[in-house]
Amino acid sequence: YDWGTHALDFVGNVVGDRPAEWVIGQVDYREEQVFFGAHNENQAFGQWVYDNGVEGVVSTGVGEDLVPAFFRFEGTEGVLDLEPDEGETDDGDAPDLRWRGHGDDDWHRESIEEGEWTDPIGDAIEHVVDCLETGAEPTLSARNALNSTEIIFGIWESARRRGRVEFPLDIEDN
């Protein structure tokens, strides 16, 4: 839960900050694991669908290597991996990005050199100030955060109910 919010926020942004329609998931919490006062799963799996039909899958803990990359995006034209696992390249170094069109035999690779990234905290603050001045909705808005949080809470609720959970969540007994 603690780290997963950032991953789901990122994925949500990629799909256009859409709400999910449903989620199904399972959680293992056999050993207490607390970060910043919040209990976190030892292992979890979740699958959901956004209201635009895009599907998402998350796997944490044992089995988190479900795909050979930190993030994998599959679309109508091909596959994009962000931070592929080590050992997936010929020279032993994992590039930051790799992609392959459907029907392509080989991966295309690109490494983002050190220094090409900007300061994420400073950029976020600058973005929020710009949005205050222009009236635009910030990428880090509460509405967008709620989309990701609802998926996470839905995974826990799905494990509790032992079934698929429809959104929006309407829970009064947990």
N, C-alpha and C. Protein backbone atom coordinates (compact mmCIF):
# COMPACT_ATOMS: atom_id res chain seq x y z
N TYR A 1 0.82 -1.20 0.00
CA TYR A 1 0.00 0.00 0.00
C TYR A 1 0.86 1.25 0.00
N ASP A 2 1.88 1.30 0.84
CA ASP A 2 2.67 2.52 0.98
C ASP A 2 3.36 2.91 -0.31
N TRP A 3 4.11 1.99 -0.91
CA TRP A 3 4.81 2.30 -2.15
C TRP A 3 3.89 2.21 -3.35
N GLY A 4 2.92 1.32 -3.30
CA GLY A 4 2.05 1.07 -4.44
C GLY A 4 1.25 2.27 -4.90
N THR A 5 0.98 3.21 -4.02
CA THR A 5 0.23 4.40 -4.44
C THR A 5 0.97 5.13 -5.55
N HIS A 6 2.28 5.22 -5.46
CA HIS A 6 3.05 5.93 -6.48
C HIS A 6 3.00 5.19 -7.81
N ALA A 7 3.11 3.87 -7.77
CA ALA A 7 3.05 3.09 -9.00
C ALA A 7 1.68 3.22 -9.66
N LEU A 8 0.62 3.12 -8.86
CA LEU A 8 -0.72 3.22 -9.43
C LEU A 8 -1.03 4.64 -9.89
N ASP A 9 -0.48 5.65 -9.22
CA ASP A 9 -0.63 7.03 -9.70
C ASP A 9 0.03 7.17 -11.07
N PHE A 10 1.21 6.60 -11.23
CA PHE A 10 1.93 6.67 -12.51
C PHE A 10 1.12 5.99 -13.61
N VAL A 11 0.66 4.78 -13.34
CA VAL A 11 -0.12 4.04 -14.33
C VAL A 11 -1.41 4.79 -14.64
N GLY A 12 -2.06 5.30 -13.61
CA GLY A 12 -3.29 6.07 -13.83
C GLY A 12 -3.06 7.26 -14.73
N ASN A 13 -1.94 7.94 -14.54
CA ASN A 13 -1.61 9.08 -15.39
C ASN A 13 -1.41 8.65 -16.83
N VAL A 14 -0.76 7.52 -17.04
CA VAL A 14 -0.51 7.01 -18.39
C VAL A 14 -1.84 6.74 -19.11
N VAL A 15 -2.84 6.23 -18.39
CA VAL A 15 -4.13 5.91 -19.03
C VAL A 15 -5.11 7.08 -19.01
N GLY A 16 -4.64 8.26 -18.60
CA GLY A 16 -5.48 9.44 -18.68
C GLY A 16 -6.23 9.79 -17.41
N ASP A 17 -5.74 9.32 -16.26
CA ASP A 17 -6.37 9.62 -14.96
C ASP A 17 -7.85 9.28 -14.97
N ARG A 18 -8.14 8.05 -15.35
CA ARG A 18 -9.50 7.54 -15.41
C ARG A 18 -9.82 6.77 -14.14
N PRO A 19 -11.08 6.76 -13.70
CA PRO A 19 -11.45 5.91 -12.57
C PRO A 19 -11.58 4.45 -13.03
N ALA A 20 -11.42 3.54 -12.09
CA ALA A 20 -11.60 2.12 -12.38
C ALA A 20 -13.06 1.74 -12.20
N GLU A 21 -13.48 0.70 -12.90
CA GLU A 21 -14.84 0.19 -12.77
C GLU A 21 -14.94 -0.91 -11.73
N TRP A 22 -13.91 -1.77 -11.65
CA TRP A 22 -13.91 -2.87 -10.69
C TRP A 22 -12.48 -3.32 -10.44
N VAL A 23 -12.31 -4.13 -9.40
CA VAL A 23 -11.02 -4.72 -9.07
C VAL A 23 -11.26 -6.08 -8.42
N ILE A 24 -10.31 -6.97 -8.63
CA ILE A 24 -10.31 -8.25 -7.90
C ILE A 24 -8.88 -8.45 -7.42
N GLY A 25 -8.74 -8.90 -6.19
CA GLY A 25 -7.39 -9.04 -5.67
C GLY A 25 -7.28 -9.99 -4.49
N GLN A 26 -6.05 -10.26 -4.15
CA GLN A 26 -5.74 -11.10 -3.00
C GLN A 26 -4.53 -10.51 -2.29
N VAL A 27 -4.51 -10.66 -0.97
CA VAL A 27 -3.47 -10.07 -0.14
C VAL A 27 -2.99 -11.12 0.86
N ASP A 28 -1.68 -11.18 1.08
CA ASP A 28 -1.10 -12.01 2.13
C ASP A 28 -0.49 -11.08 3.17
N TYR A 29 -0.87 -11.26 4.42
CA TYR A 29 -0.34 -10.45 5.51
C TYR A 29 -0.04 -11.37 6.68
N ARG A 30 0.84 -12.33 6.46
CA ARG A 30 1.14 -13.29 7.52
C ARG A 30 2.14 -12.77 8.53
N GLU A 31 2.94 -11.77 8.14
CA GLU A 31 3.88 -11.15 9.06
C GLU A 31 3.62 -9.66 9.11
N GLU A 32 3.60 -9.10 10.32
CA GLU A 32 3.34 -7.66 10.44
C GLU A 32 4.41 -6.87 9.70
N GLN A 33 3.95 -5.93 8.89
CA GLN A 33 4.84 -5.07 8.12
C GLN A 33 4.22 -3.66 8.13
N VAL A 34 4.86 -2.74 8.82
CA VAL A 34 4.31 -1.40 8.99
C VAL A 34 5.31 -0.37 8.48
N PHE A 35 4.86 0.52 7.60
CA PHE A 35 5.66 1.64 7.10
C PHE A 35 4.90 2.92 7.37
N PHE A 36 5.53 3.86 8.02
CA PHE A 36 4.94 5.16 8.32
C PHE A 36 3.58 5.01 9.03
N GLY A 37 3.47 4.00 9.89
CA GLY A 37 2.25 3.79 10.65
C GLY A 37 1.15 3.04 9.93
N ALA A 38 1.36 2.67 8.67
CA ALA A 38 0.34 1.97 7.90
C ALA A 38 0.76 0.52 7.68
N HIS A 39 -0.17 -0.41 7.89
CA HIS A 39 0.09 -1.82 7.65
C HIS A 39 0.17 -2.07 6.15
N ASN A 40 1.17 -2.86 5.74
CA ASN A 40 1.41 -3.16 4.34
C ASN A 40 1.43 -4.66 4.13
N GLU A 41 0.93 -5.08 2.98
CA GLU A 41 0.91 -6.49 2.65
C GLU A 41 2.32 -7.04 2.50
N ASN A 42 2.45 -8.35 2.68
CA ASN A 42 3.70 -9.03 2.36
C ASN A 42 3.72 -9.43 0.88
N GLN A 43 2.54 -9.69 0.35
CA GLN A 43 2.39 -10.08 -1.05
C GLN A 43 0.97 -9.73 -1.46
N ALA A 44 0.80 -9.27 -2.69
CA ALA A 44 -0.54 -8.97 -3.19
C ALA A 44 -0.58 -9.12 -4.70
N PHE A 45 -1.79 -9.36 -5.18
CA PHE A 45 -2.05 -9.39 -6.62
C PHE A 45 -3.39 -8.72 -6.85
N GLY A 46 -3.45 -7.87 -7.84
CA GLY A 46 -4.71 -7.21 -8.17
C GLY A 46 -4.86 -7.04 -9.67
N GLN A 47 -6.11 -7.12 -10.13
CA GLN A 47 -6.44 -6.87 -11.53
C GLN A 47 -7.65 -5.95 -11.53
N TRP A 48 -7.65 -4.97 -12.44
CA TRP A 48 -8.77 -4.04 -12.52
C TRP A 48 -8.94 -3.57 -13.96
N VAL A 49 -10.05 -2.89 -14.20
CA VAL A 49 -10.28 -2.29 -15.51
C VAL A 49 -10.73 -0.85 -15.30
N TYR A 50 -10.11 0.05 -16.08
CA TYR A 50 -10.50 1.46 -16.05
C TYR A 50 -11.77 1.64 -16.87
N ASP A 51 -12.46 2.77 -16.67
CA ASP A 51 -13.72 3.00 -17.37
C ASP A 51 -13.55 3.19 -18.88
N ASN A 52 -12.30 3.29 -19.36
CA ASN A 52 -12.07 3.37 -20.80
C ASN A 52 -11.67 2.02 -21.40
N GLY A 53 -11.75 0.94 -20.59
CA GLY A 53 -11.46 -0.40 -21.06
C GLY A 53 -10.03 -0.86 -20.87
N VAL A 54 -9.13 0.03 -20.47
CA VAL A 54 -7.74 -0.35 -20.24
C VAL A 54 -7.67 -1.20 -18.97
N GLU A 55 -6.93 -2.30 -19.05
CA GLU A 55 -6.79 -3.21 -17.92
C GLU A 55 -5.47 -2.98 -17.20
N GLY A 56 -5.48 -3.18 -15.90
CA GLY A 56 -4.27 -3.06 -15.09
C GLY A 56 -4.07 -4.28 -14.24
N VAL A 57 -2.80 -4.57 -13.95
CA VAL A 57 -2.42 -5.68 -13.08
C VAL A 57 -1.27 -5.20 -12.21
N VAL A 58 -1.30 -5.56 -10.93
CA VAL A 58 -0.20 -5.26 -10.02
C VAL A 58 0.13 -6.52 -9.23
N SER A 59 1.42 -6.73 -9.00
CA SER A 59 1.89 -7.87 -8.23
C SER A 59 3.00 -7.37 -7.31
N THR A 60 2.89 -7.61 -6.01
CA THR A 60 3.89 -7.16 -5.05
C THR A 60 4.39 -8.34 -4.22
N GLY A 61 5.56 -8.16 -3.63
CA GLY A 61 6.14 -9.22 -2.80
C GLY A 61 6.57 -10.39 -3.66
N VAL A 62 6.44 -11.61 -3.12
CA VAL A 62 6.77 -12.81 -3.88
C VAL A 62 5.91 -12.80 -5.14
N GLY A 63 6.53 -12.96 -6.29
CA GLY A 63 5.79 -12.92 -7.54
C GLY A 63 5.75 -11.56 -8.19
N GLU A 64 6.44 -10.59 -7.58
CA GLU A 64 6.43 -9.25 -8.17
C GLU A 64 7.15 -9.21 -9.51
N ASP A 65 7.88 -10.26 -9.83
CA ASP A 65 8.57 -10.33 -11.12
C ASP A 65 7.69 -10.99 -12.18
N LEU A 66 6.39 -10.78 -12.07
CA LEU A 66 5.42 -11.33 -13.00
C LEU A 66 5.78 -11.00 -14.45
N VAL A 67 6.28 -9.79 -14.68
CA VAL A 67 6.77 -9.40 -16.00
C VAL A 67 8.23 -8.98 -15.84
N PRO A 68 9.02 -9.06 -16.90
CA PRO A 68 10.46 -8.77 -16.78
C PRO A 68 10.80 -7.28 -16.85
N ALA A 69 10.04 -6.45 -16.13
CA ALA A 69 10.30 -5.00 -16.10
C ALA A 69 9.57 -4.42 -14.90
N PHE A 70 9.99 -3.22 -14.51
CA PHE A 70 9.32 -2.54 -13.41
C PHE A 70 7.89 -2.18 -13.81
N PHE A 71 7.71 -1.65 -15.02
CA PHE A 71 6.39 -1.39 -15.61
C PHE A 71 6.40 -1.96 -17.02
N ARG A 72 5.29 -2.56 -17.41
CA ARG A 72 5.12 -3.00 -18.79
C ARG A 72 3.78 -2.46 -19.29
N PHE A 73 3.83 -1.87 -20.47
CA PHE A 73 2.62 -1.37 -21.11
C PHE A 73 2.46 -2.12 -22.42
N GLU A 74 1.30 -2.76 -22.60
CA GLU A 74 0.99 -3.47 -23.83
C GLU A 74 -0.17 -2.77 -24.49
N GLY A 75 -0.01 -2.46 -25.77
CA GLY A 75 -1.05 -1.77 -26.51
C GLY A 75 -1.30 -2.38 -27.85
N THR A 76 -2.07 -1.68 -28.63
CA THR A 76 -2.46 -2.19 -29.95
C THR A 76 -1.28 -2.25 -30.90
N GLU A 77 -0.23 -1.44 -30.65
CA GLU A 77 0.90 -1.40 -31.58
C GLU A 77 2.15 -2.11 -31.07
N GLY A 78 2.18 -2.48 -29.78
CA GLY A 78 3.36 -3.17 -29.27
C GLY A 78 3.47 -3.13 -27.77
N VAL A 79 4.71 -3.31 -27.30
CA VAL A 79 5.00 -3.41 -25.87
C VAL A 79 6.10 -2.42 -25.52
N LEU A 80 5.94 -1.74 -24.37
CA LEU A 80 6.95 -0.83 -23.84
C LEU A 80 7.27 -1.26 -22.42
N ASP A 81 8.55 -1.48 -22.13
CA ASP A 81 9.01 -1.80 -20.77
C ASP A 81 9.78 -0.61 -20.23
N LEU A 82 9.42 -0.20 -19.03
CA LEU A 82 10.15 0.83 -18.31
C LEU A 82 10.97 0.13 -17.24
N GLU A 83 12.28 0.32 -17.26
CA GLU A 83 13.22 -0.34 -16.35
C GLU A 83 13.15 -1.86 -16.45
N PRO A 84 13.52 -2.40 -17.63
CA PRO A 84 13.55 -3.87 -17.76
C PRO A 84 14.50 -4.49 -16.73
N ASP A 85 14.22 -5.73 -16.36
CA ASP A 85 15.06 -6.44 -15.39
C ASP A 85 16.47 -6.63 -15.92
N GLU A 86 17.43 -6.74 -14.99
CA GLU A 86 18.82 -7.06 -15.37
C GLU A 86 18.83 -8.40 -16.08
N GLY A 87 19.80 -8.56 -16.98
CA GLY A 87 19.94 -9.81 -17.69
C GLY A 87 19.08 -9.93 -18.91
N GLU A 88 18.26 -8.91 -19.18
CA GLU A 88 17.38 -8.97 -20.33
C GLU A 88 18.02 -8.38 -21.58
N THR A 89 19.24 -7.86 -21.46
CA THR A 89 19.91 -7.27 -22.62
C THR A 89 21.15 -8.07 -22.94
N ASP A 90 21.66 -7.87 -24.14
CA ASP A 90 22.84 -8.61 -24.58
C ASP A 90 24.08 -8.26 -23.77
N ASP A 91 24.22 -7.00 -23.37
CA ASP A 91 25.43 -6.57 -22.67
C ASP A 91 25.32 -6.64 -21.14
N GLY A 92 24.19 -7.12 -20.62
CA GLY A 92 24.03 -7.26 -19.18
C GLY A 92 23.53 -6.03 -18.48
N ASP A 93 23.51 -4.87 -19.14
CA ASP A 93 22.99 -3.66 -18.54
C ASP A 93 21.55 -3.47 -18.98
N ALA A 94 20.67 -3.23 -18.02
CA ALA A 94 19.27 -2.99 -18.37
C ALA A 94 19.11 -1.53 -18.77
N PRO A 95 18.64 -1.27 -19.99
CA PRO A 95 18.38 0.11 -20.38
C PRO A 95 17.14 0.63 -19.65
N ASP A 96 16.96 1.91 -19.66
CA ASP A 96 15.80 2.48 -18.99
C ASP A 96 14.50 2.16 -19.72
N LEU A 97 14.57 2.08 -21.06
CA LEU A 97 13.39 1.80 -21.86
C LEU A 97 13.72 0.75 -22.92
N ARG A 98 12.73 -0.08 -23.21
CA ARG A 98 12.82 -0.93 -24.39
C ARG A 98 11.40 -1.08 -24.93
N TRP A 99 11.29 -1.21 -26.25
CA TRP A 99 9.98 -1.37 -26.85
C TRP A 99 10.11 -2.22 -28.10
N ARG A 100 8.98 -2.84 -28.43
CA ARG A 100 8.94 -3.72 -29.60
C ARG A 100 7.53 -3.65 -30.17
N GLY A 101 7.44 -3.37 -31.46
CA GLY A 101 6.16 -3.38 -32.13
C GLY A 101 5.69 -4.81 -32.35
N HIS A 102 4.39 -5.01 -32.43
CA HIS A 102 3.87 -6.34 -32.73
C HIS A 102 4.43 -6.77 -34.09
N GLY A 103 4.99 -7.95 -34.14
CA GLY A 103 5.60 -8.46 -35.36
C GLY A 103 7.10 -8.19 -35.45
N ASP A 104 7.63 -7.31 -34.59
CA ASP A 104 9.08 -7.05 -34.59
C ASP A 104 9.81 -8.20 -33.92
N ASP A 105 10.98 -8.54 -34.44
CA ASP A 105 11.79 -9.60 -33.84
C ASP A 105 12.66 -9.07 -32.71
N ASP A 106 13.11 -7.82 -32.83
CA ASP A 106 14.08 -7.28 -31.89
C ASP A 106 13.49 -6.13 -31.07
N TRP A 107 14.06 -5.96 -29.87
CA TRP A 107 13.71 -4.84 -29.01
C TRP A 107 14.48 -3.60 -29.45
N HIS A 108 13.85 -2.46 -29.37
CA HIS A 108 14.52 -1.16 -29.50
C HIS A 108 14.83 -0.72 -28.08
N ARG A 109 15.98 -0.10 -27.88
CA ARG A 109 16.41 0.26 -26.53
C ARG A 109 16.87 1.70 -26.48
N GLU A 110 16.61 2.32 -25.34
CA GLU A 110 17.09 3.68 -25.11
C GLU A 110 17.38 3.84 -23.63
N SER A 111 18.51 4.42 -23.34
CA SER A 111 18.88 4.69 -21.95
C SER A 111 18.76 6.18 -21.70
N ILE A 112 18.19 6.51 -20.59
CA ILE A 112 18.09 7.92 -20.20
C ILE A 112 19.33 8.22 -19.37
N GLU A 113 20.17 9.04 -19.91
CA GLU A 113 21.44 9.35 -19.26
C GLU A 113 21.23 10.12 -17.97
N GLU A 114 22.15 9.91 -17.03
CA GLU A 114 22.12 10.64 -15.77
C GLU A 114 22.14 12.13 -16.06
N GLY A 115 21.30 12.87 -15.36
CA GLY A 115 21.22 14.31 -15.56
C GLY A 115 20.07 14.72 -16.45
N GLU A 116 19.46 13.75 -17.18
CA GLU A 116 18.31 14.09 -18.02
C GLU A 116 17.04 14.22 -17.19
N TRP A 117 17.01 13.61 -16.02
CA TRP A 117 15.86 13.74 -15.13
C TRP A 117 15.94 15.07 -14.41
N THR A 118 14.80 15.60 -14.08
CA THR A 118 14.77 16.85 -13.32
C THR A 118 14.47 16.54 -11.87
N ASP A 119 14.36 17.55 -11.06
CA ASP A 119 14.06 17.40 -9.64
C ASP A 119 12.55 17.18 -9.47
N PRO A 120 12.11 15.97 -9.12
CA PRO A 120 10.67 15.70 -9.10
C PRO A 120 9.89 16.53 -8.07
N ILE A 121 10.45 16.76 -6.89
CA ILE A 121 9.74 17.55 -5.88
C ILE A 121 9.62 19.00 -6.34
N GLY A 122 10.72 19.56 -6.80
CA GLY A 122 10.69 20.94 -7.30
C GLY A 122 9.75 21.08 -8.49
N ASP A 123 9.77 20.09 -9.40
CA ASP A 123 8.88 20.14 -10.55
C ASP A 123 7.42 20.07 -10.12
N ALA A 124 7.12 19.23 -9.12
CA ALA A 124 5.75 19.10 -8.64
C ALA A 124 5.27 20.42 -8.04
N ILE A 125 6.12 21.06 -7.25
CA ILE A 125 5.74 22.34 -6.64
C ILE A 125 5.51 23.38 -7.73
N GLU A 126 6.41 23.44 -8.70
CA GLU A 126 6.26 24.40 -9.81
C GLU A 126 4.96 24.14 -10.58
N HIS A 127 4.63 22.87 -10.80
CA HIS A 127 3.41 22.50 -11.51
C HIS A 127 2.17 22.96 -10.75
N VAL A 128 2.15 22.72 -9.44
CA VAL A 128 1.00 23.13 -8.63
C VAL A 128 0.84 24.65 -8.65
N VAL A 129 1.95 25.39 -8.53
CA VAL A 129 1.88 26.86 -8.58
C VAL A 129 1.35 27.31 -9.94
N ASP A 130 1.84 26.69 -11.02
CA ASP A 130 1.33 27.03 -12.36
C ASP A 130 -0.17 26.78 -12.46
N CYS A 131 -0.63 25.66 -11.89
CA CYS A 131 -2.06 25.33 -11.94
C CYS A 131 -2.88 26.32 -11.12
N LEU A 132 -2.36 26.77 -9.99
CA LEU A 132 -3.05 27.79 -9.20
C LEU A 132 -3.20 29.08 -10.01
N GLU A 133 -2.18 29.40 -10.75
CA GLU A 133 -2.21 30.63 -11.55
C GLU A 133 -3.11 30.51 -12.77
N THR A 134 -3.20 29.32 -13.38
CA THR A 134 -3.98 29.15 -14.62
C THR A 134 -5.36 28.56 -14.39
N GLY A 135 -5.59 27.98 -13.21
CA GLY A 135 -6.86 27.34 -12.93
C GLY A 135 -6.96 25.91 -13.44
N ALA A 136 -5.87 25.37 -13.98
CA ALA A 136 -5.85 23.99 -14.46
C ALA A 136 -5.82 23.01 -13.29
N GLU A 137 -6.31 21.79 -13.52
CA GLU A 137 -6.26 20.76 -12.48
C GLU A 137 -4.86 20.18 -12.42
N PRO A 138 -4.23 20.14 -11.24
CA PRO A 138 -2.89 19.56 -11.13
C PRO A 138 -2.91 18.05 -11.37
N THR A 139 -1.83 17.54 -11.92
CA THR A 139 -1.67 16.09 -12.08
C THR A 139 -1.77 15.42 -10.72
N LEU A 140 -1.30 16.10 -9.68
CA LEU A 140 -1.31 15.56 -8.32
C LEU A 140 -2.60 15.91 -7.58
N SER A 141 -3.71 16.03 -8.28
CA SER A 141 -4.96 16.43 -7.65
C SER A 141 -5.52 15.32 -6.77
N ALA A 142 -6.39 15.69 -5.85
CA ALA A 142 -7.04 14.72 -4.98
C ALA A 142 -7.90 13.75 -5.79
N ARG A 143 -8.53 14.23 -6.86
CA ARG A 143 -9.36 13.36 -7.69
C ARG A 143 -8.52 12.23 -8.29
N ASN A 144 -7.36 12.57 -8.80
CA ASN A 144 -6.48 11.55 -9.38
C ASN A 144 -5.96 10.61 -8.30
N ALA A 145 -5.61 11.15 -7.14
CA ALA A 145 -5.13 10.31 -6.04
C ALA A 145 -6.23 9.36 -5.57
N LEU A 146 -7.48 9.82 -5.59
CA LEU A 146 -8.60 8.97 -5.17
C LEU A 146 -8.75 7.78 -6.11
N ASN A 147 -8.52 7.97 -7.41
CA ASN A 147 -8.61 6.85 -8.35
C ASN A 147 -7.65 5.73 -7.94
N SER A 148 -6.40 6.08 -7.65
CA SER A 148 -5.40 5.07 -7.28
C SER A 148 -5.69 4.48 -5.91
N THR A 149 -6.07 5.32 -4.97
CA THR A 149 -6.35 4.86 -3.62
C THR A 149 -7.53 3.90 -3.61
N GLU A 150 -8.54 4.19 -4.43
CA GLU A 150 -9.71 3.31 -4.48
C GLU A 150 -9.33 1.93 -5.00
N ILE A 151 -8.41 1.86 -5.96
CA ILE A 151 -7.95 0.56 -6.46
C ILE A 151 -7.26 -0.21 -5.33
N ILE A 152 -6.40 0.46 -4.59
CA ILE A 152 -5.69 -0.19 -3.48
C ILE A 152 -6.67 -0.66 -2.41
N PHE A 153 -7.57 0.21 -1.97
CA PHE A 153 -8.56 -0.19 -0.97
C PHE A 153 -9.44 -1.31 -1.52
N GLY A 154 -9.72 -1.25 -2.84
CA GLY A 154 -10.53 -2.28 -3.46
C GLY A 154 -9.86 -3.64 -3.47
N ILE A 155 -8.53 -3.66 -3.64
CA ILE A 155 -7.80 -4.93 -3.57
C ILE A 155 -7.95 -5.55 -2.19
N TRP A 156 -7.77 -4.73 -1.14
CA TRP A 156 -7.94 -5.22 0.23
C TRP A 156 -9.38 -5.67 0.47
N GLU A 157 -10.34 -4.91 -0.01
CA GLU A 157 -11.74 -5.28 0.17
C GLU A 157 -12.09 -6.54 -0.61
N SER A 158 -11.53 -6.71 -1.81
CA SER A 158 -11.75 -7.91 -2.59
C SER A 158 -11.22 -9.14 -1.85
N ALA A 159 -10.05 -9.00 -1.23
CA ALA A 159 -9.50 -10.11 -0.44
C ALA A 159 -10.41 -10.42 0.74
N ARG A 160 -10.95 -9.39 1.36
CA ARG A 160 -11.85 -9.60 2.52
C ARG A 160 -13.13 -10.28 2.08
N ARG A 161 -13.71 -9.84 0.98
CA ARG A 161 -14.97 -10.40 0.48
C ARG A 161 -14.78 -11.71 -0.29
N ARG A 162 -13.54 -11.95 -0.74
CA ARG A 162 -13.24 -13.10 -1.59
C ARG A 162 -14.01 -13.03 -2.90
N GLY A 163 -14.00 -11.84 -3.50
CA GLY A 163 -14.68 -11.65 -4.77
C GLY A 163 -14.38 -10.29 -5.37
N ARG A 164 -14.89 -10.10 -6.56
CA ARG A 164 -14.68 -8.84 -7.28
C ARG A 164 -15.45 -7.71 -6.61
N VAL A 165 -14.86 -6.52 -6.64
CA VAL A 165 -15.45 -5.34 -6.03
C VAL A 165 -15.74 -4.31 -7.12
N GLU A 166 -16.97 -3.80 -7.15
CA GLU A 166 -17.35 -2.76 -8.10
C GLU A 166 -17.09 -1.39 -7.48
N PHE A 167 -16.78 -0.41 -8.34
CA PHE A 167 -16.57 0.95 -7.88
C PHE A 167 -17.74 1.82 -8.27
N PRO A 168 -18.01 2.90 -7.52
CA PRO A 168 -17.22 3.38 -6.39
C PRO A 168 -17.43 2.50 -5.17
N LEU A 169 -16.40 2.46 -4.32
CA LEU A 169 -16.49 1.68 -3.08
C LEU A 169 -17.58 2.27 -2.19
N ASP A 170 -18.34 1.37 -1.58
CA ASP A 170 -19.38 1.78 -0.65
C ASP A 170 -19.33 0.81 0.52
N ILE A 171 -18.40 1.07 1.45
CA ILE A 171 -18.13 0.15 2.55
C ILE A 171 -18.37 0.87 3.87
N GLU A 172 -19.17 0.27 4.72
CA GLU A 172 -19.41 0.87 6.03
C GLU A 172 -19.03 -0.05 7.17
N ASP A 173 -18.57 -1.27 6.85
CA ASP A 173 -18.31 -2.24 7.91
C ASP A 173 -16.87 -2.69 7.95
N ASN A 174 -15.93 -1.93 7.41
CA ASN A 174 -14.53 -2.34 7.44
C ASN A 174 -13.68 -1.13 7.75
